[in-house]
Amino acid sequence: MDYGRSERPAGAAPLPTAIKILIAGGFGVGKTTLVGAVSETKPLRTEEVLTETGIGIDDLSGVEEKTTTTVAMDFGRITLSDDLVLYLFGTPGQDRFWFVWDELALGAIGAVVLADTRRLADCFPSIDYFEGRGTPFVVAVNCFEGAKQYRLDEVQGALDLDPEVPVVLCDARKRESVKEVLITLLEYAMKLREERRRAVTD
């Protein structure tokens, strides 16, 4: 799919601009929940039941109640305005499925890295991946019940992020909370794009 504004016949109403966003993070951090909470269509899910085969491979520490895992991607869509539609692609969180990341990342304007403060180190593979590709990303701290709350600057420091990278709170179950995260990412990605454009023209 070619993300962006498509050519239309003369006189036809313009198609909305389509923007691709990745939702990444560790296993069990809430990526499927986030996509489902905000999607205006029934989200596409590729979840499979965890089996005994995953014993010793899937780390369920902190998410012992989890019974399924995404094996390919989640997909959802949200219309922000008449001329702007976001397509959300949730990445699989387990390293044995990371081979699909490069395909999912093609054409993405940016990414949301979901974080769980109980398993903060699970963010590092996603952060390393997007930093390596030069893909704009924000970190959204998913507010799980019972999890210790940290200041956003503490999370930023623990993840060794560039000070410019936004870190925000998020409830992946709530549509409005997720929308705010997506808007933060769009604003950040647009800011970086403008800075890079100026650097080239100056």
N, C-alpha and C. Protein backbone atom coordinates (compact mmCIF):
# COMPACT_ATOMS: atom_id res chain seq x y z
N MET A 1 0.85 -1.19 0.00
CA MET A 1 0.00 0.00 0.00
C MET A 1 0.88 1.23 0.00
N ASP A 2 0.54 2.18 -0.81
CA ASP A 2 1.29 3.43 -0.89
C ASP A 2 0.65 4.43 0.06
N TYR A 3 1.33 4.73 1.18
CA TYR A 3 0.76 5.62 2.16
C TYR A 3 1.02 7.06 1.78
N GLY A 4 -0.02 7.84 1.77
CA GLY A 4 0.06 9.23 1.34
C GLY A 4 -1.17 9.56 0.53
N ARG A 5 -1.21 10.73 -0.04
CA ARG A 5 -2.37 11.16 -0.81
C ARG A 5 -2.33 10.59 -2.21
N SER A 6 -3.42 9.95 -2.63
CA SER A 6 -3.49 9.32 -3.95
C SER A 6 -3.99 10.31 -4.99
N GLU A 7 -3.62 10.06 -6.27
CA GLU A 7 -4.12 10.87 -7.36
C GLU A 7 -5.59 10.56 -7.60
N ARG A 8 -6.39 11.59 -7.88
CA ARG A 8 -7.82 11.41 -8.11
C ARG A 8 -8.19 12.08 -9.43
N PRO A 9 -9.23 11.58 -10.10
CA PRO A 9 -9.71 12.23 -11.32
C PRO A 9 -10.13 13.66 -11.03
N ALA A 10 -10.04 14.52 -12.05
CA ALA A 10 -10.44 15.92 -11.89
C ALA A 10 -11.88 16.01 -11.41
N GLY A 11 -12.12 16.83 -10.41
CA GLY A 11 -13.47 17.01 -9.89
C GLY A 11 -13.84 16.05 -8.78
N ALA A 12 -13.07 14.99 -8.60
CA ALA A 12 -13.39 14.02 -7.55
C ALA A 12 -12.91 14.56 -6.21
N ALA A 13 -13.63 14.17 -5.14
CA ALA A 13 -13.22 14.58 -3.80
C ALA A 13 -11.88 13.93 -3.47
N PRO A 14 -10.95 14.69 -2.89
CA PRO A 14 -9.64 14.12 -2.58
C PRO A 14 -9.74 13.04 -1.51
N LEU A 15 -8.91 12.02 -1.66
CA LEU A 15 -8.83 10.99 -0.64
C LEU A 15 -8.09 11.53 0.57
N PRO A 16 -8.43 11.04 1.76
CA PRO A 16 -7.69 11.50 2.93
C PRO A 16 -6.26 10.99 2.91
N THR A 17 -5.37 11.73 3.54
CA THR A 17 -3.99 11.29 3.68
C THR A 17 -3.95 10.12 4.65
N ALA A 18 -3.32 9.03 4.23
CA ALA A 18 -3.21 7.83 5.07
C ALA A 18 -1.82 7.77 5.67
N ILE A 19 -1.75 7.62 6.98
CA ILE A 19 -0.48 7.58 7.69
C ILE A 19 -0.36 6.26 8.44
N LYS A 20 0.78 5.63 8.26
CA LYS A 20 1.05 4.34 8.89
C LYS A 20 1.85 4.54 10.17
N ILE A 21 1.39 3.91 11.25
CA ILE A 21 2.04 4.01 12.56
C ILE A 21 2.21 2.61 13.13
N LEU A 22 3.38 2.35 13.69
CA LEU A 22 3.62 1.07 14.35
C LEU A 22 3.37 1.19 15.85
N ILE A 23 2.84 0.12 16.43
CA ILE A 23 2.67 0.02 17.87
C ILE A 23 3.56 -1.12 18.34
N ALA A 24 4.59 -0.79 19.10
CA ALA A 24 5.59 -1.79 19.48
C ALA A 24 5.74 -1.83 20.99
N GLY A 25 6.58 -2.76 21.44
CA GLY A 25 6.82 -2.93 22.87
C GLY A 25 6.97 -4.39 23.21
N GLY A 26 7.22 -4.65 24.46
CA GLY A 26 7.46 -6.01 24.91
C GLY A 26 6.22 -6.88 24.91
N PHE A 27 6.44 -8.15 25.18
CA PHE A 27 5.38 -9.15 25.27
C PHE A 27 4.43 -8.80 26.41
N GLY A 28 3.13 -8.74 26.09
CA GLY A 28 2.12 -8.52 27.13
C GLY A 28 2.00 -7.09 27.62
N VAL A 29 2.53 -6.12 26.85
CA VAL A 29 2.52 -4.73 27.31
C VAL A 29 1.21 -4.01 27.00
N GLY A 30 0.38 -4.57 26.10
CA GLY A 30 -0.91 -3.96 25.81
C GLY A 30 -1.09 -3.47 24.39
N LYS A 31 -0.27 -3.95 23.47
CA LYS A 31 -0.35 -3.47 22.07
C LYS A 31 -1.68 -3.84 21.43
N THR A 32 -2.11 -5.08 21.60
CA THR A 32 -3.39 -5.52 21.02
C THR A 32 -4.54 -4.74 21.64
N THR A 33 -4.47 -4.52 22.94
CA THR A 33 -5.51 -3.76 23.64
C THR A 33 -5.57 -2.33 23.10
N LEU A 34 -4.42 -1.70 22.89
CA LEU A 34 -4.38 -0.32 22.40
C LEU A 34 -5.01 -0.22 21.02
N VAL A 35 -4.62 -1.09 20.11
CA VAL A 35 -5.18 -1.03 18.75
C VAL A 35 -6.69 -1.24 18.80
N GLY A 36 -7.14 -2.19 19.59
CA GLY A 36 -8.57 -2.47 19.69
C GLY A 36 -9.36 -1.34 20.31
N ALA A 37 -8.73 -0.61 21.25
CA ALA A 37 -9.43 0.47 21.95
C ALA A 37 -9.71 1.65 21.04
N VAL A 38 -8.82 1.90 20.09
CA VAL A 38 -8.93 3.13 19.30
C VAL A 38 -9.45 2.89 17.89
N SER A 39 -9.41 1.65 17.40
CA SER A 39 -9.80 1.38 16.01
C SER A 39 -11.29 1.58 15.81
N GLU A 40 -11.65 2.28 14.72
CA GLU A 40 -13.06 2.50 14.41
C GLU A 40 -13.67 1.34 13.64
N THR A 41 -12.83 0.42 13.22
CA THR A 41 -13.28 -0.81 12.58
C THR A 41 -12.88 -1.97 13.46
N LYS A 42 -13.47 -3.12 13.22
CA LYS A 42 -13.08 -4.29 13.98
C LYS A 42 -11.63 -4.60 13.67
N PRO A 43 -10.76 -4.58 14.70
CA PRO A 43 -9.34 -4.76 14.42
C PRO A 43 -9.01 -6.17 13.95
N LEU A 44 -8.04 -6.24 13.03
CA LEU A 44 -7.51 -7.53 12.62
C LEU A 44 -6.52 -7.98 13.67
N ARG A 45 -6.68 -9.20 14.14
CA ARG A 45 -5.77 -9.73 15.16
C ARG A 45 -5.23 -11.08 14.71
N THR A 46 -3.99 -11.35 15.10
CA THR A 46 -3.38 -12.63 14.77
C THR A 46 -2.88 -13.28 16.06
N GLU A 47 -3.78 -13.40 17.02
CA GLU A 47 -3.42 -13.97 18.31
C GLU A 47 -3.60 -15.48 18.30
N GLU A 48 -2.68 -16.15 18.95
CA GLU A 48 -2.76 -17.59 19.13
C GLU A 48 -2.61 -17.90 20.61
N VAL A 49 -3.19 -19.02 21.02
CA VAL A 49 -3.14 -19.43 22.42
C VAL A 49 -1.73 -19.89 22.78
N LEU A 50 -1.25 -19.43 23.92
CA LEU A 50 0.04 -19.90 24.41
C LEU A 50 -0.05 -21.38 24.76
N THR A 51 0.96 -22.13 24.39
CA THR A 51 0.95 -23.58 24.63
C THR A 51 2.20 -23.98 25.41
N GLU A 52 2.27 -25.27 25.73
CA GLU A 52 3.43 -25.78 26.46
C GLU A 52 4.72 -25.64 25.67
N THR A 53 4.60 -25.49 24.34
CA THR A 53 5.77 -25.32 23.49
C THR A 53 6.56 -24.07 23.86
N GLY A 54 5.85 -23.06 24.36
CA GLY A 54 6.49 -21.80 24.70
C GLY A 54 7.13 -21.78 26.07
N ILE A 55 6.99 -22.87 26.85
CA ILE A 55 7.59 -22.91 28.18
C ILE A 55 9.11 -22.80 28.06
N GLY A 56 9.68 -21.86 28.80
CA GLY A 56 11.11 -21.64 28.72
C GLY A 56 11.50 -20.65 27.64
N ILE A 57 10.53 -20.30 26.76
CA ILE A 57 10.79 -19.33 25.70
C ILE A 57 10.05 -18.04 25.98
N ASP A 58 8.76 -18.15 26.29
CA ASP A 58 7.94 -16.97 26.59
C ASP A 58 8.08 -16.60 28.05
N ASP A 59 8.54 -15.39 28.31
CA ASP A 59 8.70 -14.90 29.67
C ASP A 59 7.40 -14.27 30.14
N LEU A 60 6.71 -14.95 31.06
CA LEU A 60 5.42 -14.46 31.56
C LEU A 60 5.55 -13.72 32.88
N SER A 61 6.76 -13.39 33.27
CA SER A 61 6.96 -12.65 34.52
C SER A 61 6.20 -11.34 34.48
N GLY A 62 5.32 -11.15 35.44
CA GLY A 62 4.54 -9.92 35.51
C GLY A 62 3.26 -9.95 34.70
N VAL A 63 3.12 -10.94 33.81
CA VAL A 63 1.89 -11.07 33.00
C VAL A 63 1.46 -12.54 33.02
N GLU A 64 1.47 -13.12 34.19
CA GLU A 64 1.18 -14.55 34.33
C GLU A 64 -0.21 -14.93 33.84
N GLU A 65 -1.13 -13.95 33.85
CA GLU A 65 -2.51 -14.25 33.44
C GLU A 65 -2.67 -14.27 31.92
N LYS A 66 -1.66 -13.89 31.17
CA LYS A 66 -1.76 -13.81 29.71
C LYS A 66 -1.86 -15.21 29.11
N THR A 67 -2.82 -15.39 28.20
CA THR A 67 -3.04 -16.72 27.61
C THR A 67 -2.85 -16.76 26.11
N THR A 68 -2.69 -15.59 25.46
CA THR A 68 -2.52 -15.54 24.01
C THR A 68 -1.33 -14.65 23.66
N THR A 69 -0.88 -14.76 22.42
CA THR A 69 0.21 -13.92 21.93
C THR A 69 -0.01 -13.59 20.46
N THR A 70 0.42 -12.38 20.06
CA THR A 70 0.33 -11.97 18.66
C THR A 70 1.47 -12.61 17.89
N VAL A 71 1.14 -13.28 16.78
CA VAL A 71 2.17 -13.99 16.02
C VAL A 71 2.52 -13.30 14.71
N ALA A 72 1.75 -12.31 14.29
CA ALA A 72 2.07 -11.58 13.05
C ALA A 72 1.90 -10.08 13.27
N MET A 73 0.66 -9.63 13.46
CA MET A 73 0.42 -8.21 13.69
C MET A 73 -1.01 -8.01 14.14
N ASP A 74 -1.25 -6.82 14.69
CA ASP A 74 -2.61 -6.30 14.89
C ASP A 74 -2.78 -5.17 13.89
N PHE A 75 -4.01 -4.95 13.45
CA PHE A 75 -4.24 -3.86 12.51
C PHE A 75 -5.54 -3.16 12.84
N GLY A 76 -5.49 -1.82 12.86
CA GLY A 76 -6.68 -1.03 13.10
C GLY A 76 -6.60 0.28 12.36
N ARG A 77 -7.71 1.01 12.33
CA ARG A 77 -7.79 2.28 11.61
C ARG A 77 -8.54 3.30 12.45
N ILE A 78 -8.05 4.55 12.42
CA ILE A 78 -8.75 5.62 13.11
C ILE A 78 -8.70 6.87 12.24
N THR A 79 -9.86 7.52 12.07
CA THR A 79 -9.95 8.76 11.31
C THR A 79 -9.86 9.92 12.28
N LEU A 80 -8.82 10.74 12.13
CA LEU A 80 -8.65 11.90 13.00
C LEU A 80 -9.38 13.12 12.47
N SER A 81 -9.51 13.21 11.14
CA SER A 81 -10.24 14.32 10.52
C SER A 81 -10.66 13.88 9.12
N ASP A 82 -11.38 14.75 8.40
CA ASP A 82 -11.84 14.40 7.06
C ASP A 82 -10.69 14.09 6.11
N ASP A 83 -9.53 14.66 6.39
CA ASP A 83 -8.41 14.48 5.47
C ASP A 83 -7.22 13.73 6.08
N LEU A 84 -7.45 13.04 7.21
CA LEU A 84 -6.35 12.33 7.85
C LEU A 84 -6.83 11.03 8.49
N VAL A 85 -6.28 9.92 8.00
CA VAL A 85 -6.60 8.59 8.52
C VAL A 85 -5.31 7.91 8.97
N LEU A 86 -5.34 7.32 10.16
CA LEU A 86 -4.18 6.60 10.66
C LEU A 86 -4.42 5.09 10.56
N TYR A 87 -3.42 4.39 10.06
CA TYR A 87 -3.44 2.92 10.04
C TYR A 87 -2.44 2.43 11.07
N LEU A 88 -2.92 1.65 12.01
CA LEU A 88 -2.09 1.18 13.12
C LEU A 88 -1.70 -0.27 12.91
N PHE A 89 -0.42 -0.55 13.04
CA PHE A 89 0.09 -1.91 12.90
C PHE A 89 0.80 -2.28 14.21
N GLY A 90 0.20 -3.20 14.96
CA GLY A 90 0.81 -3.68 16.18
C GLY A 90 1.80 -4.79 15.88
N THR A 91 3.03 -4.63 16.35
CA THR A 91 4.07 -5.62 16.08
C THR A 91 4.03 -6.74 17.11
N PRO A 92 4.48 -7.93 16.74
CA PRO A 92 4.60 -9.00 17.74
C PRO A 92 5.70 -8.66 18.73
N GLY A 93 5.49 -9.00 20.00
CA GLY A 93 6.43 -8.60 21.03
C GLY A 93 7.54 -9.59 21.31
N GLN A 94 7.39 -10.82 20.85
CA GLN A 94 8.40 -11.83 21.17
C GLN A 94 9.47 -11.88 20.09
N ASP A 95 10.71 -12.10 20.52
CA ASP A 95 11.82 -12.00 19.57
C ASP A 95 11.76 -13.03 18.46
N ARG A 96 11.08 -14.16 18.67
CA ARG A 96 11.03 -15.16 17.60
C ARG A 96 10.13 -14.74 16.44
N PHE A 97 9.39 -13.64 16.62
CA PHE A 97 8.54 -13.12 15.54
C PHE A 97 9.06 -11.80 14.97
N TRP A 98 10.26 -11.39 15.37
CA TRP A 98 10.77 -10.09 14.93
C TRP A 98 11.11 -10.05 13.45
N PHE A 99 11.16 -11.19 12.80
CA PHE A 99 11.49 -11.17 11.37
C PHE A 99 10.44 -10.42 10.55
N VAL A 100 9.24 -10.20 11.09
CA VAL A 100 8.20 -9.47 10.35
C VAL A 100 8.31 -7.95 10.54
N TRP A 101 9.16 -7.50 11.45
CA TRP A 101 9.23 -6.08 11.76
C TRP A 101 9.64 -5.24 10.56
N ASP A 102 10.65 -5.68 9.81
CA ASP A 102 11.11 -4.88 8.68
C ASP A 102 10.00 -4.66 7.67
N GLU A 103 9.19 -5.67 7.44
CA GLU A 103 8.08 -5.54 6.49
C GLU A 103 7.04 -4.58 7.04
N LEU A 104 6.71 -4.70 8.31
CA LEU A 104 5.71 -3.82 8.91
C LEU A 104 6.19 -2.37 8.95
N ALA A 105 7.49 -2.16 9.09
CA ALA A 105 8.03 -0.81 9.25
C ALA A 105 8.07 -0.02 7.95
N LEU A 106 7.94 -0.68 6.81
CA LEU A 106 8.01 0.02 5.53
C LEU A 106 6.92 1.07 5.43
N GLY A 107 7.31 2.31 5.17
CA GLY A 107 6.34 3.38 4.98
C GLY A 107 5.77 3.98 6.24
N ALA A 108 6.22 3.53 7.41
CA ALA A 108 5.68 4.06 8.66
C ALA A 108 6.27 5.43 8.95
N ILE A 109 5.42 6.37 9.36
CA ILE A 109 5.89 7.71 9.70
C ILE A 109 6.50 7.75 11.09
N GLY A 110 6.12 6.78 11.93
CA GLY A 110 6.64 6.75 13.30
C GLY A 110 6.08 5.58 14.07
N ALA A 111 6.42 5.52 15.36
CA ALA A 111 6.02 4.39 16.19
C ALA A 111 5.71 4.83 17.61
N VAL A 112 4.84 4.07 18.24
CA VAL A 112 4.58 4.19 19.67
C VAL A 112 5.20 2.97 20.33
N VAL A 113 6.10 3.20 21.29
CA VAL A 113 6.68 2.11 22.07
C VAL A 113 5.94 2.08 23.41
N LEU A 114 5.14 1.04 23.61
CA LEU A 114 4.42 0.90 24.88
C LEU A 114 5.37 0.37 25.94
N ALA A 115 5.26 0.91 27.14
CA ALA A 115 6.14 0.51 28.23
C ALA A 115 5.32 0.08 29.44
N ASP A 116 5.82 -0.93 30.13
CA ASP A 116 5.25 -1.40 31.39
C ASP A 116 6.35 -1.22 32.43
N THR A 117 6.12 -0.38 33.44
CA THR A 117 7.18 -0.09 34.40
C THR A 117 7.59 -1.32 35.20
N ARG A 118 6.78 -2.38 35.20
CA ARG A 118 7.16 -3.62 35.88
C ARG A 118 8.19 -4.41 35.07
N ARG A 119 8.27 -4.11 33.75
CA ARG A 119 9.18 -4.83 32.86
C ARG A 119 9.79 -3.83 31.87
N LEU A 120 10.37 -2.79 32.41
CA LEU A 120 10.81 -1.67 31.57
C LEU A 120 11.88 -2.09 30.56
N ALA A 121 12.71 -3.04 30.93
CA ALA A 121 13.79 -3.47 30.02
C ALA A 121 13.25 -4.07 28.73
N ASP A 122 11.99 -4.51 28.73
CA ASP A 122 11.40 -5.08 27.52
C ASP A 122 11.26 -4.05 26.40
N CYS A 123 11.39 -2.76 26.74
CA CYS A 123 11.31 -1.68 25.74
C CYS A 123 12.56 -1.59 24.87
N PHE A 124 13.68 -2.01 25.42
CA PHE A 124 14.96 -1.73 24.75
C PHE A 124 15.05 -2.26 23.32
N PRO A 125 14.60 -3.48 23.02
CA PRO A 125 14.69 -3.94 21.63
C PRO A 125 13.93 -3.03 20.66
N SER A 126 12.74 -2.58 21.05
CA SER A 126 11.95 -1.69 20.19
C SER A 126 12.65 -0.35 20.02
N ILE A 127 13.14 0.21 21.13
CA ILE A 127 13.83 1.50 21.07
C ILE A 127 15.07 1.40 20.19
N ASP A 128 15.86 0.34 20.39
CA ASP A 128 17.07 0.15 19.57
C ASP A 128 16.72 0.04 18.09
N TYR A 129 15.63 -0.67 17.80
CA TYR A 129 15.22 -0.87 16.41
C TYR A 129 14.88 0.46 15.74
N PHE A 130 14.06 1.27 16.39
CA PHE A 130 13.63 2.53 15.78
C PHE A 130 14.75 3.57 15.75
N GLU A 131 15.59 3.57 16.79
CA GLU A 131 16.74 4.47 16.75
C GLU A 131 17.66 4.10 15.59
N GLY A 132 17.86 2.81 15.38
CA GLY A 132 18.73 2.35 14.31
C GLY A 132 18.21 2.71 12.93
N ARG A 133 16.90 2.75 12.77
CA ARG A 133 16.29 3.08 11.48
C ARG A 133 16.05 4.58 11.32
N GLY A 134 16.25 5.34 12.39
CA GLY A 134 15.96 6.77 12.33
C GLY A 134 14.47 7.04 12.28
N THR A 135 13.66 6.13 12.83
CA THR A 135 12.21 6.28 12.85
C THR A 135 11.76 7.05 14.08
N PRO A 136 11.01 8.14 13.92
CA PRO A 136 10.52 8.87 15.10
C PRO A 136 9.63 7.96 15.96
N PHE A 137 9.80 8.07 17.26
CA PHE A 137 8.95 7.28 18.16
C PHE A 137 8.72 8.04 19.45
N VAL A 138 7.62 7.68 20.11
CA VAL A 138 7.35 8.17 21.47
C VAL A 138 7.22 6.95 22.36
N VAL A 139 7.47 7.15 23.64
CA VAL A 139 7.28 6.08 24.63
C VAL A 139 6.02 6.39 25.42
N ALA A 140 5.08 5.44 25.43
CA ALA A 140 3.83 5.59 26.17
C ALA A 140 3.82 4.60 27.32
N VAL A 141 3.82 5.10 28.53
CA VAL A 141 3.82 4.26 29.72
C VAL A 141 2.39 3.81 30.00
N ASN A 142 2.14 2.52 29.78
CA ASN A 142 0.81 1.96 30.00
C ASN A 142 0.57 1.82 31.49
N CYS A 143 -0.48 2.45 32.00
CA CYS A 143 -0.73 2.51 33.44
C CYS A 143 -1.49 1.27 33.92
N PHE A 144 -0.74 0.23 34.24
CA PHE A 144 -1.35 -1.00 34.75
C PHE A 144 -1.71 -0.82 36.22
N GLU A 145 -2.84 -1.39 36.60
CA GLU A 145 -3.26 -1.32 38.00
C GLU A 145 -2.27 -2.08 38.87
N GLY A 146 -1.87 -1.47 39.96
CA GLY A 146 -0.95 -2.11 40.88
C GLY A 146 0.51 -1.90 40.56
N ALA A 147 0.82 -1.37 39.37
CA ALA A 147 2.21 -1.12 39.01
C ALA A 147 2.71 0.14 39.69
N LYS A 148 3.96 0.13 40.12
CA LYS A 148 4.54 1.30 40.75
C LYS A 148 4.61 2.44 39.74
N GLN A 149 4.23 3.62 40.18
CA GLN A 149 4.24 4.78 39.30
C GLN A 149 5.57 5.52 39.41
N TYR A 150 6.14 5.88 38.27
CA TYR A 150 7.39 6.62 38.22
C TYR A 150 7.15 7.94 37.49
N ARG A 151 7.95 8.93 37.81
CA ARG A 151 7.90 10.18 37.06
C ARG A 151 8.36 9.93 35.63
N LEU A 152 7.83 10.70 34.69
CA LEU A 152 8.18 10.50 33.29
C LEU A 152 9.66 10.74 33.04
N ASP A 153 10.26 11.68 33.77
CA ASP A 153 11.69 11.91 33.58
C ASP A 153 12.51 10.73 34.10
N GLU A 154 12.00 10.02 35.11
CA GLU A 154 12.67 8.82 35.60
C GLU A 154 12.64 7.72 34.54
N VAL A 155 11.49 7.57 33.88
CA VAL A 155 11.38 6.58 32.82
C VAL A 155 12.32 6.94 31.67
N GLN A 156 12.35 8.21 31.31
CA GLN A 156 13.23 8.66 30.22
C GLN A 156 14.69 8.38 30.54
N GLY A 157 15.08 8.63 31.78
CA GLY A 157 16.44 8.37 32.19
C GLY A 157 16.76 6.88 32.22
N ALA A 158 15.83 6.08 32.72
CA ALA A 158 16.06 4.64 32.80
C ALA A 158 16.20 4.02 31.42
N LEU A 159 15.51 4.57 30.44
CA LEU A 159 15.58 4.07 29.07
C LEU A 159 16.69 4.72 28.26
N ASP A 160 17.40 5.68 28.87
CA ASP A 160 18.51 6.38 28.22
C ASP A 160 18.07 7.00 26.90
N LEU A 161 16.94 7.70 26.95
CA LEU A 161 16.39 8.30 25.74
C LEU A 161 16.98 9.68 25.50
N ASP A 162 17.00 10.08 24.24
CA ASP A 162 17.31 11.45 23.89
C ASP A 162 16.27 12.34 24.58
N PRO A 163 16.67 13.46 25.17
CA PRO A 163 15.72 14.33 25.88
C PRO A 163 14.56 14.80 25.01
N GLU A 164 14.73 14.80 23.69
CA GLU A 164 13.67 15.25 22.80
C GLU A 164 12.56 14.22 22.61
N VAL A 165 12.84 12.95 22.92
CA VAL A 165 11.85 11.89 22.70
C VAL A 165 10.72 12.02 23.72
N PRO A 166 9.48 12.21 23.28
CA PRO A 166 8.37 12.35 24.22
C PRO A 166 8.10 11.06 25.00
N VAL A 167 7.86 11.22 26.29
CA VAL A 167 7.42 10.12 27.15
C VAL A 167 6.11 10.56 27.78
N VAL A 168 5.06 9.76 27.59
CA VAL A 168 3.72 10.15 28.05
C VAL A 168 3.07 8.99 28.78
N LEU A 169 2.08 9.31 29.59
CA LEU A 169 1.27 8.29 30.24
C LEU A 169 0.15 7.86 29.31
N CYS A 170 -0.30 6.62 29.47
CA CYS A 170 -1.33 6.09 28.58
C CYS A 170 -2.12 5.01 29.29
N ASP A 171 -3.41 4.98 29.06
CA ASP A 171 -4.25 3.84 29.43
C ASP A 171 -4.68 3.20 28.13
N ALA A 172 -4.06 2.08 27.78
CA ALA A 172 -4.28 1.44 26.48
C ALA A 172 -5.71 0.96 26.30
N ARG A 173 -6.50 0.96 27.36
CA ARG A 173 -7.90 0.51 27.26
C ARG A 173 -8.83 1.63 26.86
N LYS A 174 -8.35 2.89 26.92
CA LYS A 174 -9.23 4.04 26.74
C LYS A 174 -8.92 4.77 25.44
N ARG A 175 -9.94 4.93 24.61
CA ARG A 175 -9.79 5.53 23.29
C ARG A 175 -9.18 6.93 23.34
N GLU A 176 -9.68 7.79 24.20
CA GLU A 176 -9.20 9.17 24.25
C GLU A 176 -7.74 9.23 24.68
N SER A 177 -7.36 8.37 25.60
CA SER A 177 -5.97 8.33 26.04
C SER A 177 -5.05 7.92 24.90
N VAL A 178 -5.47 6.92 24.13
CA VAL A 178 -4.67 6.45 22.99
C VAL A 178 -4.59 7.53 21.92
N LYS A 179 -5.70 8.22 21.66
CA LYS A 179 -5.69 9.29 20.67
C LYS A 179 -4.67 10.36 21.02
N GLU A 180 -4.57 10.71 22.30
CA GLU A 180 -3.60 11.72 22.72
C GLU A 180 -2.18 11.26 22.44
N VAL A 181 -1.92 9.97 22.65
CA VAL A 181 -0.59 9.42 22.36
C VAL A 181 -0.29 9.53 20.87
N LEU A 182 -1.26 9.18 20.03
CA LEU A 182 -1.08 9.22 18.58
C LEU A 182 -0.85 10.65 18.09
N ILE A 183 -1.57 11.59 18.66
CA ILE A 183 -1.40 12.99 18.28
C ILE A 183 0.00 13.48 18.69
N THR A 184 0.45 13.06 19.88
CA THR A 184 1.80 13.42 20.32
C THR A 184 2.84 12.90 19.34
N LEU A 185 2.66 11.66 18.88
CA LEU A 185 3.60 11.09 17.91
C LEU A 185 3.58 11.86 16.61
N LEU A 186 2.39 12.18 16.09
CA LEU A 186 2.29 12.92 14.83
C LEU A 186 2.99 14.27 14.94
N GLU A 187 2.76 14.98 16.02
CA GLU A 187 3.38 16.30 16.21
C GLU A 187 4.90 16.17 16.27
N TYR A 188 5.39 15.15 16.97
CA TYR A 188 6.83 14.94 17.08
C TYR A 188 7.44 14.56 15.74
N ALA A 189 6.78 13.66 15.00
CA ALA A 189 7.29 13.24 13.70
C ALA A 189 7.32 14.42 12.72
N MET A 190 6.28 15.26 12.75
CA MET A 190 6.25 16.43 11.88
C MET A 190 7.36 17.41 12.24
N LYS A 191 7.62 17.58 13.54
CA LYS A 191 8.68 18.47 13.99
C LYS A 191 10.04 17.98 13.49
N LEU A 192 10.30 16.67 13.63
CA LEU A 192 11.57 16.12 13.16
C LEU A 192 11.70 16.24 11.65
N ARG A 193 10.61 16.00 10.94
CA ARG A 193 10.65 16.10 9.48
C ARG A 193 11.01 17.52 9.05
N GLU A 194 10.43 18.53 9.72
CA GLU A 194 10.71 19.91 9.39
C GLU A 194 12.16 20.26 9.73
N GLU A 195 12.66 19.76 10.86
CA GLU A 195 14.05 20.03 11.24
C GLU A 195 15.00 19.43 10.23
N ARG A 196 14.70 18.22 9.75
CA ARG A 196 15.57 17.58 8.76
C ARG A 196 15.51 18.32 7.43
N ARG A 197 14.32 18.80 7.07
CA ARG A 197 14.19 19.56 5.82
C ARG A 197 15.03 20.83 5.87
N ARG A 198 14.97 21.53 7.01
CA ARG A 198 15.74 22.76 7.16
C ARG A 198 17.23 22.48 7.12
N ALA A 199 17.64 21.36 7.73
CA ALA A 199 19.06 21.01 7.75
C ALA A 199 19.59 20.78 6.33
N VAL A 200 18.73 20.25 5.47
CA VAL A 200 19.14 19.97 4.09
C VAL A 200 19.21 21.26 3.28
N THR A 201 18.26 22.17 3.52
CA THR A 201 18.17 23.40 2.69
C THR A 201 19.10 24.50 3.19
N ASP A 202 19.49 24.46 4.46
CA ASP A 202 20.35 25.52 5.01
C ASP A 202 21.78 25.40 4.46
